Amino acid sequence: MRKYDYSRFEGKRVLITGGLGFVGSNLAHRLVDLGARVTLVDNMLPRLGGNFFNIADIRDAVRVNLGDICNPHSMEYLVRRQDYIFHLAGQVNHVDSIRNPLQDLEINCRGTLVLLEACRKHNPTARIVFSGTRGEYGSSVQLPVTEDHPKNPKGIYAVNNVAAEMMMLVYADVHGMPCACLRITNTYGARHQMMHDEYGVVNWFIRKAVDGEPLPVFGDGGILRDFLYIRDLVECLLQVSLCPDAYGEVFNVGTGKPVSFRELAALIVEVAGTGSYAFTDFTRERAEVEPGDYYADVSKIRRVVGWEATTPLRTGLAETIAFYREYRDQYWNGPSEDGLWPE
C-alpha cells in the first residue's frame, strides 16, 4: 500500500455533504483527528440516516449547516474557500426511489449539479470526491466487475447516480475541475441508520442478531456481494482526495472478495452470539431491483491510488456489533424529530 502524508489535511478546509449520515460522520471523525477544519451540510430528511448523535463527540470541533444541497444560494456560500469537498449527500433508499422518483431526481441529480455549478463559479480548484454506487452496473455480465463493465441500472436511484457521476466527469473534462468518482459496494459499520431494512442489509442483519431475532435471508442465500467496512472506505476517500492521478477518473471501491448472504448471516449470528437466520421469499419491490451476484475488480484503484481494503469481515462485524450494543437507544428509533442534540 502507498504511504500518504495525512498531515496535509491539517488546517485545511473540508466540506462534507451528507455530513450527519453514515459515511459523512465517520469521515468527519477521521478528518477532525487529522486537524482539518470541517463543515458538514445535511438537510436531515427523515429515514435517510442523518443523526446528530453521529457527531456527538466531535460537535464542538465541526461546523454544521442544516441546509439543502439543492439550494444554489446555500451552496455558493458553503463551497467558498474549501480545499476539499466530499460529496456524499444523496437519497440512498432504493425502495424510496421507486415510491418517490422525483425526490430522488431532485436530490441525486439536481443537488450534484448545484454543487458543481457553485464550485465552477466560486471555487473551481476545490478537490471534489463523489460517492457513487456499484448499483450503476445493474446485473453483472462478468465477474469480478471492472470499471468498463456495461452500465444497466435497475432502479431510479442507480439511474440518477449514473447521471450524477457523468456530471462530475463532464465538469472535470470541460471546466478542468478536479473531480474523482467512486462506485462503492455494500458498506457497513458504526453510525449507519438502523430504523428500517430498506437499505443497509448488513446493518439490518446486525440489528436482528442483537435483538435475538431471525435474520431474513432472501431466496436460498446464495447471492454474492462484496461487503466493505466503513473504516476502509474512509481511508479510501482520504487517499483518493490526496492522489493527483485520481481526478477525472472512476474507481470501483470494495474488497473484491465475494461473500454469499447465507455466509454473511451465519457469520453475524456466530460473532453476535445471538439470533438465527431463516430463508424467506423476495418481496416484489426487492425482486424488481435485485441485480444478482456482484463483487468488484479493484485492481484500478490499487494501481492508481494504492488503496485496498484491509479489515477482515469478522473483525468489522465484531466492531460494529459492539458499537450498536453500546449505543442501541440512539439508533433503533432514529434521531429525535426536533433535531436537538441528544442529552
Protein backbone atom coordinates (compact mmCIF):
# COMPACT_ATOMS: atom_id res chain seq x y z
CA MET A 1 0.00 0.00 0.00
CA ARG A 2 1.17 3.51 -0.83
CA LYS A 3 2.07 5.87 2.01
CA TYR A 4 0.14 9.15 2.13
CA ASP A 5 1.02 12.21 4.14
CA TYR A 6 -2.21 12.78 6.06
CA SER A 7 -0.69 15.84 7.72
CA ARG A 8 -1.68 17.63 4.51
CA PHE A 9 -5.20 17.83 5.93
CA GLU A 10 -4.09 19.82 8.97
CA GLY A 11 -5.68 23.27 8.87
CA LYS A 12 -7.36 22.56 5.52
CA ARG A 13 -10.99 23.45 4.95
CA VAL A 14 -13.15 20.42 4.19
CA LEU A 15 -16.84 20.37 3.25
CA ILE A 16 -18.79 17.12 3.60
CA THR A 17 -22.26 16.98 2.10
CA GLY A 18 -24.46 14.49 3.88
CA GLY A 19 -22.19 15.03 6.83
CA LEU A 20 -24.57 13.81 9.54
CA GLY A 21 -25.12 10.49 7.81
CA PHE A 22 -23.26 7.19 7.93
CA VAL A 23 -20.25 7.78 5.68
CA GLY A 24 -20.07 11.53 6.23
CA SER A 25 -19.93 11.36 10.02
CA ASN A 26 -17.30 8.62 10.04
CA LEU A 27 -15.21 10.65 7.61
CA ALA A 28 -15.70 13.75 9.77
CA HIS A 29 -14.30 11.96 12.82
CA ARG A 30 -11.18 10.99 10.91
CA LEU A 31 -10.65 14.47 9.48
CA VAL A 32 -11.08 16.11 12.88
CA ASP A 33 -8.40 13.77 14.22
CA LEU A 34 -6.16 14.93 11.36
CA GLY A 35 -6.65 18.61 12.24
CA ALA A 36 -8.90 19.62 9.36
CA ARG A 37 -11.44 22.43 9.60
CA VAL A 38 -14.61 20.50 8.83
CA THR A 39 -18.01 21.81 7.74
CA LEU A 40 -20.94 19.42 7.49
CA VAL A 41 -24.07 20.14 5.46
CA ASP A 42 -27.15 17.95 5.82
CA ASN A 43 -30.87 18.51 5.37
CA MET A 44 -31.79 15.76 7.86
CA LEU A 45 -34.52 14.24 5.73
CA PRO A 46 -36.31 11.54 7.72
CA ARG A 47 -35.25 7.91 7.17
CA LEU A 48 -32.06 8.77 5.27
CA GLY A 49 -29.70 8.28 8.20
CA GLY A 50 -28.85 11.78 9.38
CA ASN A 51 -28.38 11.66 13.14
CA PHE A 52 -26.87 14.27 15.46
CA PHE A 53 -25.59 11.53 17.72
CA ASN A 54 -23.25 10.53 14.87
CA ILE A 55 -21.10 13.55 15.71
CA ALA A 56 -21.88 13.90 19.42
CA ASP A 57 -18.24 13.52 20.45
CA ILE A 58 -16.89 16.00 17.82
CA ARG A 59 -19.74 18.51 17.72
CA ASP A 60 -17.55 21.29 19.13
CA ALA A 61 -14.87 20.61 16.51
CA VAL A 62 -17.06 20.89 13.38
CA ARG A 63 -19.41 23.41 11.83
CA VAL A 64 -22.89 22.12 10.98
CA ASN A 65 -25.13 23.67 8.34
CA LEU A 66 -28.67 22.32 8.24
CA GLY A 67 -29.07 23.18 4.60
CA ASP A 68 -30.15 21.73 1.30
CA ILE A 69 -27.62 20.94 -1.41
CA CYS A 70 -30.33 21.78 -3.95
CA ASN A 71 -30.30 25.43 -2.82
CA PRO A 72 -27.87 27.37 -5.05
CA HIS A 73 -27.52 30.28 -2.62
CA SER A 74 -26.54 28.00 0.25
CA MET A 75 -24.07 26.00 -1.80
CA GLU A 76 -22.45 29.08 -3.35
CA TYR A 77 -21.73 30.25 0.19
CA LEU A 78 -20.60 26.88 1.55
CA VAL A 79 -18.13 25.94 -1.22
CA ARG A 80 -16.11 29.14 -0.98
CA ARG A 81 -12.54 28.67 0.27
CA GLN A 82 -12.95 24.91 0.73
CA ASP A 83 -9.85 22.87 -0.09
CA TYR A 84 -11.63 19.51 -0.31
CA ILE A 85 -15.27 18.64 -0.89
CA PHE A 86 -16.60 15.14 -0.26
CA HIS A 87 -19.97 14.90 -1.98
CA LEU A 88 -21.70 12.15 -0.02
CA ALA A 89 -25.24 13.57 0.20
CA GLY A 90 -27.89 11.61 -1.61
CA GLN A 91 -31.16 9.77 -1.50
CA VAL A 92 -29.81 6.24 -0.97
CA ASN A 93 -33.01 4.29 -0.33
CA HIS A 94 -33.71 2.06 -3.34
CA VAL A 95 -37.31 1.47 -2.27
CA ASP A 96 -37.98 5.19 -1.75
CA SER A 97 -36.53 5.91 -5.19
CA ILE A 98 -39.34 3.79 -6.65
CA ARG A 99 -42.02 5.29 -4.40
CA ASN A 100 -40.86 8.89 -4.94
CA PRO A 101 -38.67 9.08 -8.04
CA LEU A 102 -38.95 12.87 -8.35
CA GLN A 103 -37.40 13.35 -4.92
CA ASP A 104 -34.58 11.01 -5.91
CA LEU A 105 -34.02 13.02 -9.10
CA GLU A 106 -34.03 16.29 -7.16
CA ILE A 107 -31.50 15.22 -4.55
CA ASN A 108 -29.16 13.00 -6.53
CA CYS A 109 -29.09 14.86 -9.84
CA ARG A 110 -30.06 18.46 -9.19
CA GLY A 111 -28.16 18.53 -5.91
CA THR A 112 -24.99 17.36 -7.65
CA LEU A 113 -25.39 19.91 -10.44
CA VAL A 114 -26.00 22.74 -7.96
CA LEU A 115 -22.80 21.79 -6.12
CA LEU A 116 -20.78 21.65 -9.33
CA GLU A 117 -22.07 24.99 -10.55
CA ALA A 118 -21.34 26.60 -7.19
CA CYS A 119 -17.76 25.32 -7.39
CA ARG A 120 -17.37 26.38 -11.03
CA LYS A 121 -18.38 29.93 -10.14
CA HIS A 122 -16.71 30.37 -6.77
CA ASN A 123 -14.11 27.64 -6.16
CA PRO A 124 -13.13 25.74 -9.32
CA THR A 125 -9.92 24.37 -7.77
CA ALA A 126 -11.61 22.62 -4.83
CA ARG A 127 -10.89 18.89 -4.96
CA ILE A 128 -14.17 17.00 -5.18
CA VAL A 129 -14.67 13.31 -4.40
CA PHE A 130 -18.06 11.88 -5.35
CA SER A 131 -19.52 8.76 -3.75
CA GLY A 132 -21.47 6.77 -6.30
CA THR A 133 -22.73 3.21 -6.19
CA ARG A 134 -21.97 -0.22 -7.60
CA GLY A 135 -25.69 -0.22 -8.48
CA GLU A 136 -24.79 1.69 -11.65
CA TYR A 137 -23.79 -1.62 -13.22
CA GLY A 138 -27.08 -3.44 -12.65
CA SER A 139 -26.91 -7.17 -13.29
CA SER A 140 -23.35 -8.40 -13.76
CA VAL A 141 -22.43 -9.89 -17.14
CA GLN A 142 -18.91 -10.72 -15.92
CA LEU A 143 -17.31 -11.19 -12.51
CA PRO A 144 -15.45 -9.56 -10.96
CA VAL A 145 -16.91 -6.30 -12.28
CA THR A 146 -14.43 -3.85 -13.81
CA GLU A 147 -14.97 -0.13 -14.36
CA ASP A 148 -15.64 -0.67 -18.07
CA HIS A 149 -18.47 -3.12 -17.34
CA PRO A 150 -21.72 -2.11 -19.13
CA LYS A 151 -23.99 0.12 -17.05
CA ASN A 152 -27.55 -1.18 -16.82
CA PRO A 153 -29.07 0.27 -13.63
CA LYS A 154 -32.18 -1.50 -12.37
CA GLY A 155 -33.68 1.29 -10.29
CA ILE A 156 -34.20 5.06 -10.37
CA TYR A 157 -31.64 5.52 -7.59
CA ALA A 158 -28.94 3.89 -9.71
CA VAL A 159 -30.04 5.76 -12.86
CA ASN A 160 -29.67 9.09 -11.08
CA ASN A 161 -26.27 8.06 -9.72
CA VAL A 162 -25.09 7.34 -13.26
CA ALA A 163 -26.24 10.83 -14.26
CA ALA A 164 -24.56 12.47 -11.26
CA GLU A 165 -21.30 10.67 -11.96
CA MET A 166 -21.39 11.79 -15.60
CA MET A 167 -21.93 15.39 -14.46
CA MET A 168 -18.79 15.12 -12.35
CA LEU A 169 -16.78 13.81 -15.28
CA VAL A 170 -18.12 16.48 -17.66
CA TYR A 171 -17.14 19.27 -15.26
CA ALA A 172 -13.71 17.68 -14.88
CA ASP A 173 -13.29 17.50 -18.65
CA VAL A 174 -14.90 20.75 -19.78
CA HIS A 175 -14.04 23.04 -16.86
CA GLY A 176 -10.86 21.36 -15.65
CA MET A 177 -12.27 20.87 -12.16
CA PRO A 178 -10.61 18.15 -10.06
CA CYS A 179 -13.39 15.58 -9.61
CA ALA A 180 -12.92 11.90 -8.73
CA CYS A 181 -15.77 9.38 -8.77
CA LEU A 182 -16.19 6.21 -6.73
CA ARG A 183 -18.55 3.29 -7.32
CA ILE A 184 -18.87 1.95 -3.80
CA THR A 185 -20.04 -1.52 -2.86
CA ASN A 186 -22.21 -2.51 0.13
CA THR A 187 -20.72 -0.75 3.16
CA TYR A 188 -21.42 -1.48 6.81
CA GLY A 189 -20.29 -0.23 10.21
CA ALA A 190 -20.98 2.19 13.05
CA ARG A 191 -23.30 5.21 12.65
CA HIS A 192 -25.47 3.66 9.93
CA GLN A 193 -29.25 4.04 10.19
CA MET A 194 -30.87 1.07 11.94
CA MET A 195 -34.55 2.09 11.80
CA HIS A 196 -35.65 0.08 8.77
CA ASP A 197 -34.49 -2.58 6.33
CA GLU A 198 -34.80 -0.68 3.05
CA TYR A 199 -31.07 -0.14 2.67
CA GLY A 200 -28.01 -1.30 4.56
CA VAL A 201 -28.53 -5.06 4.63
CA VAL A 202 -25.51 -5.88 6.81
CA ASN A 203 -26.54 -3.41 9.47
CA TRP A 204 -30.13 -4.65 9.39
CA PHE A 205 -28.89 -8.21 9.88
CA ILE A 206 -26.84 -6.93 12.83
CA ARG A 207 -29.92 -5.31 14.38
CA LYS A 208 -31.81 -8.58 14.10
CA ALA A 209 -28.95 -10.52 15.67
CA VAL A 210 -28.53 -8.02 18.53
CA ASP A 211 -32.28 -8.29 19.21
CA GLY A 212 -32.08 -12.09 19.15
CA GLU A 213 -34.36 -12.34 16.13
CA PRO A 214 -34.06 -14.35 12.89
CA LEU A 215 -32.11 -12.69 10.07
CA PRO A 216 -34.27 -12.76 6.89
CA VAL A 217 -32.14 -14.22 4.09
CA PHE A 218 -33.86 -13.86 0.72
CA GLY A 219 -34.09 -16.82 -1.64
CA ASP A 220 -31.56 -19.55 -0.93
CA GLY A 221 -28.98 -17.04 0.34
CA GLY A 222 -26.60 -17.83 -2.48
CA ILE A 223 -26.39 -14.34 -3.99
CA LEU A 224 -22.86 -12.94 -3.73
CA ARG A 225 -21.90 -9.48 -2.55
CA ASP A 226 -18.77 -7.52 -1.74
CA PHE A 227 -19.01 -6.18 1.84
CA LEU A 228 -16.82 -3.18 2.75
CA TYR A 229 -16.12 -1.91 6.27
CA ILE A 230 -16.62 1.80 6.88
CA ARG A 231 -13.09 2.37 8.21
CA ASP A 232 -11.65 1.08 4.93
CA LEU A 233 -13.98 3.34 2.94
CA VAL A 234 -12.94 6.40 4.97
CA GLU A 235 -9.27 5.68 4.27
CA CYS A 236 -10.15 5.28 0.59
CA LEU A 237 -11.87 8.67 0.48
CA LEU A 238 -8.87 10.34 2.08
CA GLN A 239 -6.33 8.68 -0.20
CA VAL A 240 -8.30 9.39 -3.36
CA SER A 241 -8.55 13.06 -2.39
CA LEU A 242 -4.76 13.25 -1.92
CA CYS A 243 -3.91 11.43 -5.17
CA PRO A 244 -3.47 13.79 -8.17
CA ASP A 245 -3.88 10.91 -10.63
CA ALA A 246 -7.32 10.06 -9.25
CA TYR A 247 -9.02 13.19 -10.56
CA GLY A 248 -11.02 12.77 -13.75
CA GLU A 249 -11.21 9.01 -13.06
CA VAL A 250 -13.80 6.49 -11.88
CA PHE A 251 -12.92 3.72 -9.43
CA ASN A 252 -14.60 0.65 -8.05
CA VAL A 253 -14.36 0.57 -4.26
CA GLY A 254 -14.77 -2.75 -2.48
CA THR A 255 -12.86 -5.70 -1.12
CA GLY A 256 -13.01 -7.79 -4.27
CA LYS A 257 -13.91 -10.78 -2.09
CA PRO A 258 -17.34 -12.35 -2.71
CA VAL A 259 -19.44 -13.49 0.25
CA SER A 260 -22.90 -15.03 0.00
CA PHE A 261 -25.78 -13.71 2.07
CA ARG A 262 -26.04 -17.14 3.67
CA GLU A 263 -22.39 -16.95 4.74
CA LEU A 264 -22.85 -13.38 5.95
CA ALA A 265 -25.88 -14.24 8.06
CA ALA A 266 -24.19 -17.26 9.61
CA LEU A 267 -21.10 -15.22 10.48
CA ILE A 268 -23.13 -12.41 12.06
CA VAL A 269 -25.03 -14.90 14.22
CA GLU A 270 -21.75 -16.53 15.23
CA VAL A 271 -19.99 -13.27 16.07
CA ALA A 272 -23.01 -11.80 17.89
CA GLY A 273 -23.68 -15.00 19.80
CA THR A 274 -27.41 -14.26 19.46
CA GLY A 275 -30.09 -14.56 16.80
CA SER A 276 -30.52 -17.04 13.99
CA TYR A 277 -31.24 -16.87 10.28
CA ALA A 278 -34.10 -18.09 8.14
CA PHE A 279 -34.78 -18.10 4.42
CA THR A 280 -37.63 -16.02 3.05
CA ASP A 281 -39.10 -15.05 -0.32
CA PHE A 282 -38.16 -11.82 -2.03
CA THR A 283 -40.73 -9.06 -1.75
CA ARG A 284 -41.96 -7.69 -5.07
CA GLU A 285 -40.14 -4.37 -4.56
CA ARG A 286 -36.84 -6.09 -3.74
CA ALA A 287 -37.13 -8.57 -6.60
CA GLU A 288 -37.58 -5.71 -9.06
CA VAL A 289 -34.25 -4.09 -8.15
CA GLU A 290 -32.19 -7.17 -7.23
CA PRO A 291 -29.17 -7.29 -9.60
CA GLY A 292 -27.84 -10.70 -8.60
CA ASP A 293 -24.20 -11.50 -7.89
CA TYR A 294 -21.70 -8.66 -7.56
CA TYR A 295 -18.12 -8.27 -6.47
CA ALA A 296 -15.66 -5.66 -7.63
CA ASP A 297 -12.44 -5.76 -9.55
CA VAL A 298 -10.42 -3.27 -7.51
CA SER A 299 -7.18 -3.51 -9.46
CA LYS A 300 -7.53 0.02 -10.89
CA ILE A 301 -7.77 1.82 -7.55
CA ARG A 302 -5.00 -0.37 -6.16
CA ARG A 303 -2.77 0.57 -9.11
CA VAL A 304 -3.58 4.30 -9.38
CA VAL A 305 -4.23 5.26 -5.76
CA GLY A 306 -2.55 2.45 -3.88
CA TRP A 307 -5.58 1.80 -1.70
CA GLU A 308 -7.02 -1.56 -0.73
CA ALA A 309 -9.38 -2.77 1.98
CA THR A 310 -7.62 -4.38 4.94
CA THR A 311 -10.31 -5.15 7.53
CA PRO A 312 -11.40 -8.81 7.70
CA LEU A 313 -15.18 -9.26 7.62
CA ARG A 314 -15.24 -10.93 11.03
CA THR A 315 -13.32 -8.02 12.59
CA GLY A 316 -15.56 -5.38 11.05
CA LEU A 317 -18.70 -7.21 12.14
CA ALA A 318 -17.43 -7.61 15.71
CA GLU A 319 -16.63 -3.89 16.00
CA THR A 320 -19.99 -2.93 14.51
CA ILE A 321 -21.95 -5.22 16.81
CA ALA A 322 -20.09 -3.86 19.85
CA PHE A 323 -20.90 -0.28 18.80
CA TYR A 324 -24.63 -0.89 18.47
CA ARG A 325 -24.83 -2.84 21.69
CA GLU A 326 -23.39 0.19 23.46
CA TYR A 327 -25.46 2.83 21.64
CA ARG A 328 -28.59 0.88 20.75
CA ASP A 329 -31.00 3.55 22.02
CA GLN A 330 -29.51 6.20 19.73
CA TYR A 331 -30.17 4.21 16.54
CA TRP A 332 -33.07 1.77 16.87
CA ASN A 333 -35.70 4.52 16.78
CA GLY A 334 -33.70 7.16 14.91
CA PRO A 335 -32.97 10.78 15.85
CA SER A 336 -35.48 12.97 17.64
CA GLU A 337 -37.94 14.85 15.46
CA ASP A 338 -36.96 18.26 16.87
CA GLY A 339 -33.37 17.90 15.65
CA LEU A 340 -31.91 18.86 19.02
CA TRP A 341 -28.65 17.47 20.35
CA PRO A 342 -29.21 14.31 22.37
CA GLU A 343 -28.76 14.72 26.12
